[in-house]
Amino acid sequence: MLKRGQSFKCVLIDDIFYLFRVSISIAESAAILHKAIRYVCEALANCETHLNQLDTQSGDGDCGLTLKRGADGLLHFHLFLTSVF
């Protein structure tokens, strides 16, 4: 869980290192994987505008939008799978 003043990124990194230090159950591994997927998808969505600005310098300016759509699709599919299983 997040502690006051701690970012989600720090918690995720701590959890990943935890995987390598101890033997944990499949359920615990899955929980860490769920966090990682959610973190990456949210990070891509938050960077959409910046990525679009960078892409306008060498392309058509839709890289951020494309990556956000992919991340949103992955996140929705991931949430669907976790609700089914």
PDB file of N, CA and C in Angstrom:
ATOM      1  N   MET A   1       0.831  -1.187   0.000  1.00  0.00           N
ATOM      2  CA  MET A   1       0.000   0.000   0.000  1.00  0.00           C
ATOM      3  C   MET A   1       0.876   1.250   0.000  1.00  0.00           C
ATOM      4  N   LEU A   2       0.328   2.319  -0.561  1.00  0.00           N
ATOM      5  CA  LEU A   2       1.055   3.578  -0.584  1.00  0.00           C
ATOM      6  C   LEU A   2       1.122   4.170   0.811  1.00  0.00           C
ATOM      7  N   LYS A   3       2.294   4.661   1.150  1.00  0.00           N
ATOM      8  CA  LYS A   3       2.470   5.375   2.400  1.00  0.00           C
ATOM      9  C   LYS A   3       2.489   6.851   2.083  1.00  0.00           C
ATOM     10  N   ARG A   4       2.198   7.678   3.057  1.00  0.00           N
ATOM     11  CA  ARG A   4       2.172   9.120   2.845  1.00  0.00           C
ATOM     12  C   ARG A   4       3.500   9.590   2.254  1.00  0.00           C
ATOM     13  N   GLY A   5       3.432  10.343   1.171  1.00  0.00           N
ATOM     14  CA  GLY A   5       4.612  10.888   0.528  1.00  0.00           C
ATOM     15  C   GLY A   5       5.321   9.927  -0.411  1.00  0.00           C
ATOM     16  N   GLN A   6       4.765   8.730  -0.581  1.00  0.00           N
ATOM     17  CA  GLN A   6       5.398   7.731  -1.442  1.00  0.00           C
ATOM     18  C   GLN A   6       4.653   7.654  -2.760  1.00  0.00           C
ATOM     19  N   SER A   7       5.389   7.625  -3.847  1.00  0.00           N
ATOM     20  CA  SER A   7       4.751   7.576  -5.152  1.00  0.00           C
ATOM     21  C   SER A   7       4.418   6.137  -5.519  1.00  0.00           C
ATOM     22  N   PHE A   8       3.485   5.988  -6.439  1.00  0.00           N
ATOM     23  CA  PHE A   8       3.122   4.653  -6.918  1.00  0.00           C
ATOM     24  C   PHE A   8       4.323   3.978  -7.553  1.00  0.00           C
ATOM     25  N   LYS A   9       5.155   4.769  -8.236  1.00  0.00           N
ATOM     26  CA  LYS A   9       6.336   4.226  -8.899  1.00  0.00           C
ATOM     27  C   LYS A   9       7.263   3.570  -7.881  1.00  0.00           C
ATOM     28  N   CYS A  10       7.476   4.205  -6.747  1.00  0.00           N
ATOM     29  CA  CYS A  10       8.338   3.629  -5.706  1.00  0.00           C
ATOM     30  C   CYS A  10       7.766   2.325  -5.180  1.00  0.00           C
ATOM     31  N   VAL A  11       6.476   2.288  -4.964  1.00  0.00           N
ATOM     32  CA  VAL A  11       5.842   1.072  -4.468  1.00  0.00           C
ATOM     33  C   VAL A  11       5.989  -0.045  -5.485  1.00  0.00           C
ATOM     34  N   LEU A  12       5.786   0.259  -6.750  1.00  0.00           N
ATOM     35  CA  LEU A  12       5.906  -0.745  -7.805  1.00  0.00           C
ATOM     36  C   LEU A  12       7.324  -1.298  -7.858  1.00  0.00           C
ATOM     37  N   ILE A  13       8.304  -0.435  -7.810  1.00  0.00           N
ATOM     38  CA  ILE A  13       9.698  -0.890  -7.852  1.00  0.00           C
ATOM     39  C   ILE A  13      10.006  -1.741  -6.633  1.00  0.00           C
ATOM     40  N   ASP A  14       9.536  -1.336  -5.464  1.00  0.00           N
ATOM     41  CA  ASP A  14       9.730  -2.140  -4.254  1.00  0.00           C
ATOM     42  C   ASP A  14       9.111  -3.521  -4.421  1.00  0.00           C
ATOM     43  N   ASP A  15       7.929  -3.587  -5.005  1.00  0.00           N
ATOM     44  CA  ASP A  15       7.249  -4.869  -5.204  1.00  0.00           C
ATOM     45  C   ASP A  15       8.003  -5.759  -6.179  1.00  0.00           C
ATOM     46  N   ILE A  16       8.543  -5.172  -7.232  1.00  0.00           N
ATOM     47  CA  ILE A  16       9.287  -5.968  -8.214  1.00  0.00           C
ATOM     48  C   ILE A  16      10.551  -6.538  -7.574  1.00  0.00           C
ATOM     49  N   PHE A  17      11.262  -5.726  -6.804  1.00  0.00           N
ATOM     50  CA  PHE A  17      12.449  -6.242  -6.119  1.00  0.00           C
ATOM     51  C   PHE A  17      12.063  -7.323  -5.114  1.00  0.00           C
ATOM     52  N   TYR A  18      10.903  -7.191  -4.507  1.00  0.00           N
ATOM     53  CA  TYR A  18      10.400  -8.194  -3.564  1.00  0.00           C
ATOM     54  C   TYR A  18      10.257  -9.553  -4.252  1.00  0.00           C
ATOM     55  N   LEU A  19       9.829  -9.528  -5.510  1.00  0.00           N
ATOM     56  CA  LEU A  19       9.681 -10.779  -6.265  1.00  0.00           C
ATOM     57  C   LEU A  19      10.986 -11.557  -6.330  1.00  0.00           C
ATOM     58  N   PHE A  20      12.089 -10.846  -6.453  1.00  0.00           N
ATOM     59  CA  PHE A  20      13.383 -11.503  -6.608  1.00  0.00           C
ATOM     60  C   PHE A  20      13.997 -11.931  -5.278  1.00  0.00           C
ATOM     61  N   ARG A  21      13.537 -11.371  -4.187  1.00  0.00           N
ATOM     62  CA  ARG A  21      14.128 -11.678  -2.891  1.00  0.00           C
ATOM     63  C   ARG A  21      13.512 -12.890  -2.212  1.00  0.00           C
ATOM     64  N   VAL A  22      12.250 -13.138  -2.446  1.00  0.00           N
ATOM     65  CA  VAL A  22      11.558 -14.191  -1.711  1.00  0.00           C
ATOM     66  C   VAL A  22      10.698 -15.023  -2.652  1.00  0.00           C
ATOM     67  N   SER A  23      10.351 -16.197  -2.182  1.00  0.00           N
ATOM     68  CA  SER A  23       9.380 -17.005  -2.918  1.00  0.00           C
ATOM     69  C   SER A  23       7.992 -16.534  -2.521  1.00  0.00           C
ATOM     70  N   ILE A  24       7.204 -16.184  -3.521  1.00  0.00           N
ATOM     71  CA  ILE A  24       5.847 -15.724  -3.228  1.00  0.00           C
ATOM     72  C   ILE A  24       4.865 -16.529  -4.062  1.00  0.00           C
ATOM     73  N   SER A  25       3.618 -16.430  -3.684  1.00  0.00           N
ATOM     74  CA  SER A  25       2.579 -17.198  -4.363  1.00  0.00           C
ATOM     75  C   SER A  25       2.259 -16.603  -5.730  1.00  0.00           C
ATOM     76  N   ILE A  26       1.562 -17.379  -6.520  1.00  0.00           N
ATOM     77  CA  ILE A  26       1.120 -16.904  -7.831  1.00  0.00           C
ATOM     78  C   ILE A  26       0.189 -15.710  -7.663  1.00  0.00           C
ATOM     79  N   ALA A  27      -0.659 -15.750  -6.653  1.00  0.00           N
ATOM     80  CA  ALA A  27      -1.587 -14.637  -6.419  1.00  0.00           C
ATOM     81  C   ALA A  27      -0.829 -13.353  -6.110  1.00  0.00           C
ATOM     82  N   GLU A  28       0.225 -13.449  -5.310  1.00  0.00           N
ATOM     83  CA  GLU A  28       1.019 -12.264  -4.995  1.00  0.00           C
ATOM     84  C   GLU A  28       1.747 -11.750  -6.237  1.00  0.00           C
ATOM     85  N   SER A  29       2.271 -12.669  -7.045  1.00  0.00           N
ATOM     86  CA  SER A  29       2.930 -12.279  -8.292  1.00  0.00           C
ATOM     87  C   SER A  29       1.940 -11.588  -9.222  1.00  0.00           C
ATOM     88  N   ALA A  30       0.738 -12.124  -9.304  1.00  0.00           N
ATOM     89  CA  ALA A  30      -0.299 -11.546 -10.163  1.00  0.00           C
ATOM     90  C   ALA A  30      -0.660 -10.140  -9.710  1.00  0.00           C
ATOM     91  N   ALA A  31      -0.727  -9.934  -8.401  1.00  0.00           N
ATOM     92  CA  ALA A  31      -1.061  -8.607  -7.883  1.00  0.00           C
ATOM     93  C   ALA A  31      -0.006  -7.590  -8.287  1.00  0.00           C
ATOM     94  N   ILE A  32       1.261  -7.988  -8.251  1.00  0.00           N
ATOM     95  CA  ILE A  32       2.344  -7.086  -8.649  1.00  0.00           C
ATOM     96  C   ILE A  32       2.276  -6.823 -10.153  1.00  0.00           C
ATOM     97  N   LEU A  33       1.988  -7.847 -10.928  1.00  0.00           N
ATOM     98  CA  LEU A  33       1.852  -7.671 -12.372  1.00  0.00           C
ATOM     99  C   LEU A  33       0.687  -6.733 -12.698  1.00  0.00           C
ATOM    100  N   HIS A  34      -0.424  -6.865 -11.994  1.00  0.00           N
ATOM    101  CA  HIS A  34      -1.569  -5.975 -12.198  1.00  0.00           C
ATOM    102  C   HIS A  34      -1.161  -4.525 -11.942  1.00  0.00           C
ATOM    103  N   LYS A  35      -0.409  -4.299 -10.871  1.00  0.00           N
ATOM    104  CA  LYS A  35       0.056  -2.950 -10.562  1.00  0.00           C
ATOM    105  C   LYS A  35       0.947  -2.409 -11.672  1.00  0.00           C
ATOM    106  N   ALA A  36       1.837  -3.250 -12.178  1.00  0.00           N
ATOM    107  CA  ALA A  36       2.766  -2.822 -13.226  1.00  0.00           C
ATOM    108  C   ALA A  36       2.013  -2.443 -14.496  1.00  0.00           C
ATOM    109  N   ILE A  37       1.069  -3.263 -14.897  1.00  0.00           N
ATOM    110  CA  ILE A  37       0.283  -2.971 -16.104  1.00  0.00           C
ATOM    111  C   ILE A  37      -0.478  -1.663 -15.933  1.00  0.00           C
ATOM    112  N   ARG A  38      -1.117  -1.489 -14.784  1.00  0.00           N
ATOM    113  CA  ARG A  38      -1.883  -0.271 -14.532  1.00  0.00           C
ATOM    114  C   ARG A  38      -0.963   0.955 -14.529  1.00  0.00           C
ATOM    115  N   TYR A  39       0.204   0.832 -13.908  1.00  0.00           N
ATOM    116  CA  TYR A  39       1.141   1.950 -13.833  1.00  0.00           C
ATOM    117  C   TYR A  39       1.608   2.372 -15.229  1.00  0.00           C
ATOM    118  N   VAL A  40       1.999   1.405 -16.054  1.00  0.00           N
ATOM    119  CA  VAL A  40       2.496   1.721 -17.398  1.00  0.00           C
ATOM    120  C   VAL A  40       1.392   2.358 -18.239  1.00  0.00           C
ATOM    121  N   CYS A  41       0.191   1.819 -18.174  1.00  0.00           N
ATOM    122  CA  CYS A  41      -0.924   2.376 -18.957  1.00  0.00           C
ATOM    123  C   CYS A  41      -1.251   3.797 -18.517  1.00  0.00           C
ATOM    124  N   GLU A  42      -1.260   4.042 -17.207  1.00  0.00           N
ATOM    125  CA  GLU A  42      -1.542   5.383 -16.704  1.00  0.00           C
ATOM    126  C   GLU A  42      -0.422   6.349 -17.071  1.00  0.00           C
ATOM    127  N   ALA A  43       0.824   5.881 -17.036  1.00  0.00           N
ATOM    128  CA  ALA A  43       1.956   6.738 -17.398  1.00  0.00           C
ATOM    129  C   ALA A  43       1.870   7.151 -18.864  1.00  0.00           C
ATOM    130  N   LEU A  44       1.541   6.218 -19.737  1.00  0.00           N
ATOM    131  CA  LEU A  44       1.396   6.549 -21.158  1.00  0.00           C
ATOM    132  C   LEU A  44       0.265   7.550 -21.371  1.00  0.00           C
ATOM    133  N   ALA A  45      -0.846   7.351 -20.690  1.00  0.00           N
ATOM    134  CA  ALA A  45      -1.976   8.274 -20.829  1.00  0.00           C
ATOM    135  C   ALA A  45      -1.594   9.667 -20.349  1.00  0.00           C
ATOM    136  N   ASN A  46      -0.837   9.747 -19.269  1.00  0.00           N
ATOM    137  CA  ASN A  46      -0.432  11.045 -18.728  1.00  0.00           C
ATOM    138  C   ASN A  46       0.573  11.764 -19.623  1.00  0.00           C
ATOM    139  N   CYS A  47       1.271  11.031 -20.452  1.00  0.00           N
ATOM    140  CA  CYS A  47       2.300  11.624 -21.336  1.00  0.00           C
ATOM    141  C   CYS A  47       1.770  11.936 -22.727  1.00  0.00           C
ATOM    142  N   GLU A  48       0.492  11.744 -22.959  1.00  0.00           N
ATOM    143  CA  GLU A  48      -0.060  11.902 -24.305  1.00  0.00           C
ATOM    144  C   GLU A  48       0.293  13.245 -24.935  1.00  0.00           C
ATOM    145  N   THR A  49       0.042  14.327 -24.249  1.00  0.00           N
ATOM    146  CA  THR A  49       0.286  15.664 -24.810  1.00  0.00           C
ATOM    147  C   THR A  49       1.757  15.872 -25.126  1.00  0.00           C
ATOM    148  N   HIS A  50       2.612  15.493 -24.207  1.00  0.00           N
ATOM    149  CA  HIS A  50       4.051  15.659 -24.419  1.00  0.00           C
ATOM    150  C   HIS A  50       4.529  14.835 -25.611  1.00  0.00           C
ATOM    151  N   LEU A  51       4.070  13.596 -25.715  1.00  0.00           N
ATOM    152  CA  LEU A  51       4.461  12.746 -26.847  1.00  0.00           C
ATOM    153  C   LEU A  51       3.962  13.309 -28.165  1.00  0.00           C
ATOM    154  N   ASN A  52       2.749  13.859 -28.158  1.00  0.00           N
ATOM    155  CA  ASN A  52       2.223  14.497 -29.374  1.00  0.00           C
ATOM    156  C   ASN A  52       3.079  15.690 -29.781  1.00  0.00           C
ATOM    157  N   GLN A  53       3.499  16.494 -28.797  1.00  0.00           N
ATOM    158  CA  GLN A  53       4.345  17.657 -29.095  1.00  0.00           C
ATOM    159  C   GLN A  53       5.675  17.219 -29.691  1.00  0.00           C
ATOM    160  N   LEU A  54       6.271  16.184 -29.133  1.00  0.00           N
ATOM    161  CA  LEU A  54       7.530  15.678 -29.684  1.00  0.00           C
ATOM    162  C   LEU A  54       7.331  15.153 -31.101  1.00  0.00           C
ATOM    163  N   ASP A  55       6.218  14.493 -31.324  1.00  0.00           N
ATOM    164  CA  ASP A  55       5.950  13.896 -32.632  1.00  0.00           C
ATOM    165  C   ASP A  55       5.677  14.951 -33.699  1.00  0.00           C
ATOM    166  N   THR A  56       5.198  16.112 -33.332  1.00  0.00           N
ATOM    167  CA  THR A  56       4.944  17.152 -34.335  1.00  0.00           C
ATOM    168  C   THR A  56       6.243  17.652 -34.957  1.00  0.00           C
ATOM    169  N   GLN A  57       7.365  17.450 -34.254  1.00  0.00           N
ATOM    170  CA  GLN A  57       8.651  17.895 -34.788  1.00  0.00           C
ATOM    171  C   GLN A  57       9.148  16.996 -35.915  1.00  0.00           C
ATOM    172  N   SER A  58       8.676  15.749 -35.943  1.00  0.00           N
ATOM    173  CA  SER A  58       9.177  14.834 -36.978  1.00  0.00           C
ATOM    174  C   SER A  58       8.086  13.996 -37.637  1.00  0.00           C
ATOM    175  N   GLY A  59       6.854  14.199 -37.218  1.00  0.00           N
ATOM    176  CA  GLY A  59       5.776  13.385 -37.777  1.00  0.00           C
ATOM    177  C   GLY A  59       4.479  14.156 -37.799  1.00  0.00           C
ATOM    178  N   ASP A  60       3.386  13.404 -37.662  1.00  0.00           N
ATOM    179  CA  ASP A  60       2.076  14.048 -37.766  1.00  0.00           C
ATOM    180  C   ASP A  60       1.462  14.424 -36.421  1.00  0.00           C
ATOM    181  N   GLY A  61       2.175  14.209 -35.324  1.00  0.00           N
ATOM    182  CA  GLY A  61       1.720  14.674 -34.019  1.00  0.00           C
ATOM    183  C   GLY A  61       0.681  13.818 -33.343  1.00  0.00           C
ATOM    184  N   ASP A  62       0.608  12.548 -33.709  1.00  0.00           N
ATOM    185  CA  ASP A  62      -0.411  11.704 -33.081  1.00  0.00           C
ATOM    186  C   ASP A  62       0.174  10.516 -32.307  1.00  0.00           C
ATOM    187  N   CYS A  63       1.469  10.530 -32.068  1.00  0.00           N
ATOM    188  CA  CYS A  63       2.112   9.405 -31.376  1.00  0.00           C
ATOM    189  C   CYS A  63       1.526   9.212 -29.976  1.00  0.00           C
ATOM    190  N   GLY A  64       1.361  10.317 -29.233  1.00  0.00           N
ATOM    191  CA  GLY A  64       0.799  10.227 -27.883  1.00  0.00           C
ATOM    192  C   GLY A  64      -0.609   9.671 -27.894  1.00  0.00           C
ATOM    193  N   LEU A  65      -1.409  10.134 -28.844  1.00  0.00           N
ATOM    194  CA  LEU A  65      -2.787   9.651 -28.970  1.00  0.00           C
ATOM    195  C   LEU A  65      -2.810   8.158 -29.280  1.00  0.00           C
ATOM    196  N   THR A  66      -1.948   7.746 -30.187  1.00  0.00           N
ATOM    197  CA  THR A  66      -1.891   6.326 -30.565  1.00  0.00           C
ATOM    198  C   THR A  66      -1.474   5.456 -29.381  1.00  0.00           C
ATOM    199  N   LEU A  67      -0.433   5.878 -28.672  1.00  0.00           N
ATOM    200  CA  LEU A  67       0.013   5.106 -27.509  1.00  0.00           C
ATOM    201  C   LEU A  67      -1.041   5.096 -26.404  1.00  0.00           C
ATOM    202  N   LYS A  68      -1.730   6.222 -26.202  1.00  0.00           N
ATOM    203  CA  LYS A  68      -2.785   6.281 -25.189  1.00  0.00           C
ATOM    204  C   LYS A  68      -3.927   5.336 -25.546  1.00  0.00           C
ATOM    205  N   ARG A  69      -4.316   5.311 -26.802  1.00  0.00           N
ATOM    206  CA  ARG A  69      -5.387   4.400 -27.221  1.00  0.00           C
ATOM    207  C   ARG A  69      -4.990   2.941 -26.980  1.00  0.00           C
ATOM    208  N   GLY A  70      -3.736   2.616 -27.320  1.00  0.00           N
ATOM    209  CA  GLY A  70      -3.253   1.259 -27.071  1.00  0.00           C
ATOM    210  C   GLY A  70      -3.237   0.927 -25.589  1.00  0.00           C
ATOM    211  N   ALA A  71      -2.769   1.871 -24.783  1.00  0.00           N
ATOM    212  CA  ALA A  71      -2.723   1.658 -23.327  1.00  0.00           C
ATOM    213  C   ALA A  71      -4.130   1.525 -22.753  1.00  0.00           C
ATOM    214  N   ASP A  72      -5.065   2.361 -23.225  1.00  0.00           N
ATOM    215  CA  ASP A  72      -6.451   2.259 -22.764  1.00  0.00           C
ATOM    216  C   ASP A  72      -7.051   0.903 -23.124  1.00  0.00           C
ATOM    217  N   GLY A  73      -6.779   0.445 -24.346  1.00  0.00           N
ATOM    218  CA  GLY A  73      -7.278  -0.863 -24.761  1.00  0.00           C
ATOM    219  C   GLY A  73      -6.698  -1.981 -23.924  1.00  0.00           C
ATOM    220  N   LEU A  74      -5.397  -1.916 -23.676  1.00  0.00           N
ATOM    221  CA  LEU A  74      -4.750  -2.929 -22.838  1.00  0.00           C
ATOM    222  C   LEU A  74      -5.319  -2.911 -21.435  1.00  0.00           C
ATOM    223  N   LEU A  75      -5.501  -1.719 -20.877  1.00  0.00           N
ATOM    224  CA  LEU A  75      -6.037  -1.607 -19.521  1.00  0.00           C
ATOM    225  C   LEU A  75      -7.463  -2.149 -19.445  1.00  0.00           C
ATOM    226  N   HIS A  76      -8.309  -1.816 -20.419  1.00  0.00           N
ATOM    227  CA  HIS A  76      -9.682  -2.329 -20.406  1.00  0.00           C
ATOM    228  C   HIS A  76      -9.701  -3.847 -20.552  1.00  0.00           C
ATOM    229  N   PHE A  77      -8.874  -4.381 -21.436  1.00  0.00           N
ATOM    230  CA  PHE A  77      -8.795  -5.830 -21.614  1.00  0.00           C
ATOM    231  C   PHE A  77      -8.282  -6.489 -20.346  1.00  0.00           C
ATOM    232  N   HIS A  78      -7.275  -5.885 -19.733  1.00  0.00           N
ATOM    233  CA  HIS A  78      -6.715  -6.411 -18.490  1.00  0.00           C
ATOM    234  C   HIS A  78      -7.772  -6.417 -17.385  1.00  0.00           C
ATOM    235  N   LEU A  79      -8.519  -5.313 -17.265  1.00  0.00           N
ATOM    236  CA  LEU A  79      -9.577  -5.257 -16.246  1.00  0.00           C
ATOM    237  C   LEU A  79     -10.661  -6.287 -16.521  1.00  0.00           C
ATOM    238  N   PHE A  80     -10.977  -6.487 -17.786  1.00  0.00           N
ATOM    239  CA  PHE A  80     -11.953  -7.518 -18.152  1.00  0.00           C
ATOM    240  C   PHE A  80     -11.470  -8.893 -17.711  1.00  0.00           C
ATOM    241  N   LEU A  81     -10.211  -9.208 -18.034  1.00  0.00           N
ATOM    242  CA  LEU A  81      -9.675 -10.520 -17.665  1.00  0.00           C
ATOM    243  C   LEU A  81      -9.648 -10.736 -16.157  1.00  0.00           C
ATOM    244  N   THR A  82      -9.278  -9.696 -15.407  1.00  0.00           N
ATOM    245  CA  THR A  82      -9.217  -9.852 -13.953  1.00  0.00           C
ATOM    246  C   THR A  82     -10.592  -9.991 -13.349  1.00  0.00           C
ATOM    247  N   SER A  83     -11.615  -9.465 -14.012  1.00  0.00           N
ATOM    248  CA  SER A  83     -12.978  -9.625 -13.485  1.00  0.00           C
ATOM    249  C   SER A  83     -13.553 -11.003 -13.815  1.00  0.00           C
ATOM    250  N   VAL A  84     -13.040 -11.626 -14.868  1.00  0.00           N
ATOM    251  CA  VAL A  84     -13.530 -12.936 -15.285  1.00  0.00           C
ATOM    252  C   VAL A  84     -12.873 -14.047 -14.475  1.00  0.00           C
ATOM    253  N   PHE A  85     -11.572 -13.895 -14.221  1.00  0.00           N
ATOM    254  CA  PHE A  85     -10.837 -14.975 -13.547  1.00  0.00           C
ATOM    255  C   PHE A  85     -10.679 -14.702 -12.093  1.00  0.00           C
TER     256      PHE A  85
END
